[in-house]
Amino acid sequence: MSLSREFDQRLKDAMRAKQARELTVLRMVKVRVNEHIRTQKIEGEPLDEDVREIVAGYVKQLKKSLPEFEKGGEAARGAIEGIRFEIAYLEPFLPRLMDEGATRAVVAETVEEAGHPPARLSGKVIGMVMKKHKGEVDPVLVRRLVEEALAECPQTRGRATTSALPGIPSPSVSSSSAAGRSSPGERVSSSSTGPTSSRRPSVHPMRPRSFSSRRRSR
């Protein structure tokens, strides 16, 4: 039985048994599933993965609202108990996420695929993991494991393979290293003439003596 049909059956059972709290949470989920079917123009039943994501979004909303109700103290006790009941009731229908071991293996594979980039590109690796395993991994856990994995990668290795990541250009040859290289013709010319500073100007054999020398000889 699909999750969509299971929710329908649970809703019917709750109506027969007049279970008020179950009816509240099941109706809220049903409204969101029907909205998803309408907006996505789905013919037939939605996928179980989509239903689980809808449930996860609703549970996230409930958890986010809980602290505000807790500020109400005793007056908000009924609302708080209702929210906690809905969260617990929907727990079995949340997406089945990988445990830390399986997530670590996925991260290691993605880091290898990306070419062991430097830590500053962790966001790119996280995006690659989430794109391939959406709804299967915990984003918070993925971020932590990616940062740990990239911190262990040598930075020089990361710089040499940056081009493996999509959208990141390959590192070009630095201007300093390019300036240090010369053409073969330049090397031959410099070696044949030698340094200018070490060459002493030759004296022409017909160069006349200075005026002072001629006066001393008289």
C-alpha atoms as a PDB file:
ATOM      1  CA  MET A   1       0.000   0.000   0.000  1.00  0.00           C
ATOM      2  CA  SER A   2       1.300   3.432  -0.929  1.00  0.00           C
ATOM      3  CA  LEU A   3       1.760   6.104   1.735  1.00  0.00           C
ATOM      4  CA  SER A   4      -0.984   8.201   0.181  1.00  0.00           C
ATOM      5  CA  ARG A   5      -3.471   5.353   0.498  1.00  0.00           C
ATOM      6  CA  GLU A   6      -2.272   4.564   4.004  1.00  0.00           C
ATOM      7  CA  PHE A   7      -3.013   8.107   5.118  1.00  0.00           C
ATOM      8  CA  ASP A   8      -6.463   7.887   3.526  1.00  0.00           C
ATOM      9  CA  GLN A   9      -7.188   4.666   5.396  1.00  0.00           C
ATOM     10  CA  ARG A  10      -5.918   6.085   8.680  1.00  0.00           C
ATOM     11  CA  LEU A  11      -8.114   9.126   8.188  1.00  0.00           C
ATOM     12  CA  LYS A  12     -11.203   6.944   7.679  1.00  0.00           C
ATOM     13  CA  ASP A  13     -10.372   4.854  10.738  1.00  0.00           C
ATOM     14  CA  ALA A  14      -9.877   7.962  12.873  1.00  0.00           C
ATOM     15  CA  MET A  15     -13.223   9.351  11.735  1.00  0.00           C
ATOM     16  CA  ARG A  16     -15.001   6.122  12.685  1.00  0.00           C
ATOM     17  CA  ALA A  17     -13.288   5.997  16.063  1.00  0.00           C
ATOM     18  CA  LYS A  18     -13.792   9.720  16.624  1.00  0.00           C
ATOM     19  CA  GLN A  19     -10.128  10.230  17.444  1.00  0.00           C
ATOM     20  CA  ALA A  20      -9.805  14.014  17.517  1.00  0.00           C
ATOM     21  CA  ARG A  21      -6.016  14.347  17.720  1.00  0.00           C
ATOM     22  CA  GLU A  22      -5.404  11.764  14.983  1.00  0.00           C
ATOM     23  CA  LEU A  23      -7.981  13.480  12.773  1.00  0.00           C
ATOM     24  CA  THR A  24      -6.211  16.831  13.198  1.00  0.00           C
ATOM     25  CA  VAL A  25      -2.795  15.633  12.115  1.00  0.00           C
ATOM     26  CA  LEU A  26      -4.080  13.391   9.309  1.00  0.00           C
ATOM     27  CA  ARG A  27      -6.195  16.157   7.832  1.00  0.00           C
ATOM     28  CA  MET A  28      -3.252  18.553   7.876  1.00  0.00           C
ATOM     29  CA  VAL A  29      -1.119  16.042   5.992  1.00  0.00           C
ATOM     30  CA  LYS A  30      -3.947  15.279   3.552  1.00  0.00           C
ATOM     31  CA  VAL A  31      -4.354  18.967   2.714  1.00  0.00           C
ATOM     32  CA  ARG A  32      -0.642  19.268   1.932  1.00  0.00           C
ATOM     33  CA  VAL A  33      -0.594  16.115  -0.185  1.00  0.00           C
ATOM     34  CA  ASN A  34      -3.586  17.298  -2.224  1.00  0.00           C
ATOM     35  CA  GLU A  35      -1.914  20.688  -2.705  1.00  0.00           C
ATOM     36  CA  HIS A  36       1.210  18.941  -3.977  1.00  0.00           C
ATOM     37  CA  ILE A  37      -0.837  16.881  -6.436  1.00  0.00           C
ATOM     38  CA  ARG A  38      -2.576  19.993  -7.722  1.00  0.00           C
ATOM     39  CA  THR A  39       0.480  22.219  -8.114  1.00  0.00           C
ATOM     40  CA  GLN A  40       2.614  19.484  -9.657  1.00  0.00           C
ATOM     41  CA  LYS A  41      -0.260  18.311 -11.891  1.00  0.00           C
ATOM     42  CA  ILE A  42       0.228  14.709 -10.835  1.00  0.00           C
ATOM     43  CA  GLU A  43      -2.035  12.102 -12.363  1.00  0.00           C
ATOM     44  CA  GLY A  44      -2.782   9.275  -9.961  1.00  0.00           C
ATOM     45  CA  GLU A  45      -1.012   8.848  -6.637  1.00  0.00           C
ATOM     46  CA  PRO A  46       2.059  10.799  -5.573  1.00  0.00           C
ATOM     47  CA  LEU A  47       5.308   8.969  -4.963  1.00  0.00           C
ATOM     48  CA  ASP A  48       6.067   7.772  -1.442  1.00  0.00           C
ATOM     49  CA  GLU A  49       9.251   9.866  -1.487  1.00  0.00           C
ATOM     50  CA  ASP A  50       7.215  12.992  -2.170  1.00  0.00           C
ATOM     51  CA  VAL A  51       4.775  12.179   0.616  1.00  0.00           C
ATOM     52  CA  ARG A  52       7.635  11.666   3.051  1.00  0.00           C
ATOM     53  CA  GLU A  53       9.104  15.041   2.098  1.00  0.00           C
ATOM     54  CA  ILE A  54       5.698  16.662   2.649  1.00  0.00           C
ATOM     55  CA  VAL A  55       5.498  15.061   6.081  1.00  0.00           C
ATOM     56  CA  ALA A  56       9.054  16.168   6.865  1.00  0.00           C
ATOM     57  CA  GLY A  57       8.194  19.745   5.935  1.00  0.00           C
ATOM     58  CA  TYR A  58       5.154  19.727   8.198  1.00  0.00           C
ATOM     59  CA  VAL A  59       7.114  18.243  11.111  1.00  0.00           C
ATOM     60  CA  LYS A  60       9.805  20.873  10.629  1.00  0.00           C
ATOM     61  CA  GLN A  61       7.137  23.549  10.820  1.00  0.00           C
ATOM     62  CA  LEU A  62       5.735  22.034  14.015  1.00  0.00           C
ATOM     63  CA  LYS A  63       9.150  21.886  15.665  1.00  0.00           C
ATOM     64  CA  LYS A  64       9.846  25.471  14.696  1.00  0.00           C
ATOM     65  CA  SER A  65       6.595  26.688  16.272  1.00  0.00           C
ATOM     66  CA  LEU A  66       7.052  24.713  19.496  1.00  0.00           C
ATOM     67  CA  PRO A  67       9.420  27.169  21.272  1.00  0.00           C
ATOM     68  CA  GLU A  68       6.961  30.033  20.726  1.00  0.00           C
ATOM     69  CA  PHE A  69       4.148  28.073  22.360  1.00  0.00           C
ATOM     70  CA  GLU A  70       6.413  27.080  25.233  1.00  0.00           C
ATOM     71  CA  LYS A  71       6.823  30.756  26.067  1.00  0.00           C
ATOM     72  CA  GLY A  72       3.098  30.844  26.795  1.00  0.00           C
ATOM     73  CA  GLY A  73       3.575  28.766  29.910  1.00  0.00           C
ATOM     74  CA  GLU A  74       0.586  27.058  31.482  1.00  0.00           C
ATOM     75  CA  ALA A  75      -1.929  28.705  29.155  1.00  0.00           C
ATOM     76  CA  ALA A  76      -0.350  27.047  26.119  1.00  0.00           C
ATOM     77  CA  ARG A  77      -0.038  23.566  27.629  1.00  0.00           C
ATOM     78  CA  GLY A  78      -2.835  22.106  25.494  1.00  0.00           C
ATOM     79  CA  ALA A  79      -1.343  23.442  22.272  1.00  0.00           C
ATOM     80  CA  ILE A  80       2.104  22.179  23.246  1.00  0.00           C
ATOM     81  CA  GLU A  81       0.810  18.676  23.944  1.00  0.00           C
ATOM     82  CA  GLY A  82      -1.017  18.669  20.612  1.00  0.00           C
ATOM     83  CA  ILE A  83       2.127  19.673  18.703  1.00  0.00           C
ATOM     84  CA  ARG A  84       4.225  17.037  20.435  1.00  0.00           C
ATOM     85  CA  PHE A  85       1.595  14.405  19.694  1.00  0.00           C
ATOM     86  CA  GLU A  86       1.594  15.275  15.983  1.00  0.00           C
ATOM     87  CA  ILE A  87       5.397  15.136  15.804  1.00  0.00           C
ATOM     88  CA  ALA A  88       5.464  11.716  17.477  1.00  0.00           C
ATOM     89  CA  TYR A  89       2.589  10.430  15.325  1.00  0.00           C
ATOM     90  CA  LEU A  90       4.325  11.397  12.076  1.00  0.00           C
ATOM     91  CA  GLU A  91       7.756  10.144  13.123  1.00  0.00           C
ATOM     92  CA  PRO A  92       7.382   6.752  11.311  1.00  0.00           C
ATOM     93  CA  PHE A  93       6.532   8.546   8.042  1.00  0.00           C
ATOM     94  CA  LEU A  94       9.607  10.763   7.924  1.00  0.00           C
ATOM     95  CA  PRO A  95      12.220  10.129   5.215  1.00  0.00           C
ATOM     96  CA  ARG A  96      14.542   7.256   6.078  1.00  0.00           C
ATOM     97  CA  LEU A  97      17.929   8.926   6.291  1.00  0.00           C
ATOM     98  CA  MET A  98      21.272   7.152   6.056  1.00  0.00           C
ATOM     99  CA  ASP A  99      23.137   6.593   9.282  1.00  0.00           C
ATOM    100  CA  GLU A 100      26.510   8.235   9.887  1.00  0.00           C
ATOM    101  CA  GLY A 101      28.499   5.304   8.493  1.00  0.00           C
ATOM    102  CA  ALA A 102      26.621   5.234   5.195  1.00  0.00           C
ATOM    103  CA  THR A 103      26.725   9.025   4.939  1.00  0.00           C
ATOM    104  CA  ARG A 104      30.469   9.037   5.559  1.00  0.00           C
ATOM    105  CA  ALA A 105      30.944   6.559   2.698  1.00  0.00           C
ATOM    106  CA  VAL A 106      28.899   8.792   0.370  1.00  0.00           C
ATOM    107  CA  VAL A 107      30.946  11.840   1.382  1.00  0.00           C
ATOM    108  CA  ALA A 108      34.234  10.004   0.821  1.00  0.00           C
ATOM    109  CA  GLU A 109      33.097   8.917  -2.634  1.00  0.00           C
ATOM    110  CA  THR A 110      32.042  12.451  -3.539  1.00  0.00           C
ATOM    111  CA  VAL A 111      35.309  13.966  -2.281  1.00  0.00           C
ATOM    112  CA  GLU A 112      37.202  11.462  -4.422  1.00  0.00           C
ATOM    113  CA  GLU A 113      35.015  12.296  -7.414  1.00  0.00           C
ATOM    114  CA  ALA A 114      35.602  16.024  -6.873  1.00  0.00           C
ATOM    115  CA  GLY A 115      39.362  15.534  -6.810  1.00  0.00           C
ATOM    116  CA  HIS A 116      40.047  16.221  -3.121  1.00  0.00           C
ATOM    117  CA  PRO A 117      39.413  19.991  -3.284  1.00  0.00           C
ATOM    118  CA  PRO A 118      40.603  22.426  -0.584  1.00  0.00           C
ATOM    119  CA  ALA A 119      38.434  23.166   2.430  1.00  0.00           C
ATOM    120  CA  ARG A 120      37.330  26.530   1.031  1.00  0.00           C
ATOM    121  CA  LEU A 121      35.292  24.639  -1.602  1.00  0.00           C
ATOM    122  CA  SER A 122      33.345  22.555   0.908  1.00  0.00           C
ATOM    123  CA  GLY A 123      30.076  24.137  -0.233  1.00  0.00           C
ATOM    124  CA  LYS A 124      30.539  22.713  -3.725  1.00  0.00           C
ATOM    125  CA  VAL A 125      31.058  19.201  -2.360  1.00  0.00           C
ATOM    126  CA  ILE A 126      28.036  19.505  -0.056  1.00  0.00           C
ATOM    127  CA  GLY A 127      25.941  20.555  -3.048  1.00  0.00           C
ATOM    128  CA  MET A 128      27.097  17.524  -5.023  1.00  0.00           C
ATOM    129  CA  VAL A 129      26.144  15.175  -2.178  1.00  0.00           C
ATOM    130  CA  MET A 130      22.721  16.735  -1.641  1.00  0.00           C
ATOM    131  CA  LYS A 131      21.942  16.711  -5.350  1.00  0.00           C
ATOM    132  CA  LYS A 132      22.649  13.002  -5.700  1.00  0.00           C
ATOM    133  CA  HIS A 133      21.100  11.921  -2.362  1.00  0.00           C
ATOM    134  CA  LYS A 134      18.257  14.362  -1.752  1.00  0.00           C
ATOM    135  CA  GLY A 135      15.969  13.104   0.993  1.00  0.00           C
ATOM    136  CA  GLU A 136      18.402  10.323   1.871  1.00  0.00           C
ATOM    137  CA  VAL A 137      20.952  12.164   4.010  1.00  0.00           C
ATOM    138  CA  ASP A 138      20.873  14.649   6.861  1.00  0.00           C
ATOM    139  CA  PRO A 139      22.197  18.019   5.582  1.00  0.00           C
ATOM    140  CA  VAL A 140      23.705  18.916   8.957  1.00  0.00           C
ATOM    141  CA  LEU A 141      25.574  15.607   9.125  1.00  0.00           C
ATOM    142  CA  VAL A 142      26.738  15.967   5.522  1.00  0.00           C
ATOM    143  CA  ARG A 143      28.208  19.403   6.213  1.00  0.00           C
ATOM    144  CA  ARG A 144      30.142  18.146   9.241  1.00  0.00           C
ATOM    145  CA  LEU A 145      31.524  15.093   7.455  1.00  0.00           C
ATOM    146  CA  VAL A 146      32.518  17.081   4.351  1.00  0.00           C
ATOM    147  CA  GLU A 147      34.370  19.651   6.435  1.00  0.00           C
ATOM    148  CA  GLU A 148      36.172  16.877   8.315  1.00  0.00           C
ATOM    149  CA  ALA A 149      37.101  15.085   5.086  1.00  0.00           C
ATOM    150  CA  LEU A 150      38.428  18.195   3.359  1.00  0.00           C
ATOM    151  CA  ALA A 151      40.390  19.252   6.428  1.00  0.00           C
ATOM    152  CA  GLU A 152      42.387  16.025   6.086  1.00  0.00           C
ATOM    153  CA  CYS A 153      43.183  16.620   2.401  1.00  0.00           C
ATOM    154  CA  PRO A 154      46.629  18.145   1.657  1.00  0.00           C
ATOM    155  CA  GLN A 155      46.170  21.689   0.388  1.00  0.00           C
ATOM    156  CA  THR A 156      48.630  21.232  -2.441  1.00  0.00           C
ATOM    157  CA  ARG A 157      46.723  18.223  -3.647  1.00  0.00           C
ATOM    158  CA  GLY A 158      43.519  20.189  -3.467  1.00  0.00           C
ATOM    159  CA  ARG A 159      44.949  23.045  -5.534  1.00  0.00           C
ATOM    160  CA  ALA A 160      46.231  20.712  -8.186  1.00  0.00           C
ATOM    161  CA  THR A 161      42.838  19.108  -8.755  1.00  0.00           C
ATOM    162  CA  THR A 162      40.474  22.049  -8.325  1.00  0.00           C
ATOM    163  CA  SER A 163      39.301  21.717 -11.928  1.00  0.00           C
ATOM    164  CA  ALA A 164      37.460  18.469 -11.042  1.00  0.00           C
ATOM    165  CA  LEU A 165      34.700  20.527  -9.417  1.00  0.00           C
ATOM    166  CA  PRO A 166      31.984  21.905 -11.698  1.00  0.00           C
ATOM    167  CA  GLY A 167      32.196  25.635 -12.260  1.00  0.00           C
ATOM    168  CA  ILE A 168      35.737  25.987 -10.875  1.00  0.00           C
ATOM    169  CA  PRO A 169      38.441  26.834 -13.449  1.00  0.00           C
ATOM    170  CA  SER A 170      41.778  25.070 -13.466  1.00  0.00           C
ATOM    171  CA  PRO A 171      44.590  26.986 -11.774  1.00  0.00           C
ATOM    172  CA  SER A 172      46.714  28.833 -14.325  1.00  0.00           C
ATOM    173  CA  VAL A 173      50.460  29.193 -14.332  1.00  0.00           C
ATOM    174  CA  SER A 174      51.434  32.067 -12.091  1.00  0.00           C
ATOM    175  CA  SER A 175      52.985  35.143 -13.602  1.00  0.00           C
ATOM    176  CA  SER A 176      56.051  34.780 -11.388  1.00  0.00           C
ATOM    177  CA  SER A 177      56.829  31.283 -12.668  1.00  0.00           C
ATOM    178  CA  ALA A 178      56.118  32.354 -16.236  1.00  0.00           C
ATOM    179  CA  ALA A 179      58.446  35.330 -15.835  1.00  0.00           C
ATOM    180  CA  GLY A 180      61.198  33.057 -14.599  1.00  0.00           C
ATOM    181  CA  ARG A 181      61.220  31.081 -17.864  1.00  0.00           C
ATOM    182  CA  SER A 182      62.864  32.401 -21.006  1.00  0.00           C
ATOM    183  CA  SER A 183      62.934  31.243 -24.585  1.00  0.00           C
ATOM    184  CA  PRO A 184      65.766  29.049 -25.878  1.00  0.00           C
ATOM    185  CA  GLY A 185      67.034  31.954 -27.977  1.00  0.00           C
ATOM    186  CA  GLU A 186      67.253  34.192 -24.953  1.00  0.00           C
ATOM    187  CA  ARG A 187      69.240  31.595 -23.011  1.00  0.00           C
ATOM    188  CA  VAL A 188      71.742  31.147 -25.854  1.00  0.00           C
ATOM    189  CA  SER A 189      72.179  34.881 -26.255  1.00  0.00           C
ATOM    190  CA  SER A 190      72.847  35.499 -22.579  1.00  0.00           C
ATOM    191  CA  SER A 191      75.286  32.625 -22.233  1.00  0.00           C
ATOM    192  CA  SER A 192      77.333  33.583 -25.299  1.00  0.00           C
ATOM    193  CA  THR A 193      77.788  37.252 -24.412  1.00  0.00           C
ATOM    194  CA  GLY A 194      78.107  36.841 -20.672  1.00  0.00           C
ATOM    195  CA  PRO A 195      77.105  39.395 -18.063  1.00  0.00           C
ATOM    196  CA  THR A 196      77.531  43.019 -19.099  1.00  0.00           C
ATOM    197  CA  SER A 197      78.968  44.000 -15.729  1.00  0.00           C
ATOM    198  CA  SER A 198      81.946  41.594 -16.075  1.00  0.00           C
ATOM    199  CA  ARG A 199      83.055  42.867 -19.517  1.00  0.00           C
ATOM    200  CA  ARG A 200      85.875  45.451 -19.540  1.00  0.00           C
ATOM    201  CA  PRO A 201      85.947  47.909 -22.449  1.00  0.00           C
ATOM    202  CA  SER A 202      88.915  47.311 -24.767  1.00  0.00           C
ATOM    203  CA  VAL A 203      91.414  50.142 -25.428  1.00  0.00           C
ATOM    204  CA  HIS A 204      91.893  51.062 -29.044  1.00  0.00           C
ATOM    205  CA  PRO A 205      95.590  50.713 -30.078  1.00  0.00           C
ATOM    206  CA  MET A 206      95.592  54.089 -31.853  1.00  0.00           C
ATOM    207  CA  ARG A 207      94.043  55.990 -28.954  1.00  0.00           C
ATOM    208  CA  PRO A 208      96.254  59.031 -28.190  1.00  0.00           C
ATOM    209  CA  ARG A 209      97.732  59.604 -24.789  1.00  0.00           C
ATOM    210  CA  SER A 210      96.211  62.158 -22.515  1.00  0.00           C
ATOM    211  CA  PHE A 211      97.370  65.796 -22.526  1.00  0.00           C
ATOM    212  CA  SER A 212      99.014  65.447 -19.131  1.00  0.00           C
ATOM    213  CA  SER A 213     101.144  62.538 -20.329  1.00  0.00           C
ATOM    214  CA  ARG A 214     102.400  64.503 -23.311  1.00  0.00           C
ATOM    215  CA  ARG A 215     103.426  67.413 -21.074  1.00  0.00           C
ATOM    216  CA  ARG A 216     105.427  65.164 -18.730  1.00  0.00           C
ATOM    217  CA  SER A 217     107.303  63.642 -21.629  1.00  0.00           C
ATOM    218  CA  ARG A 218     108.551  67.021 -22.856  1.00  0.00           C
END
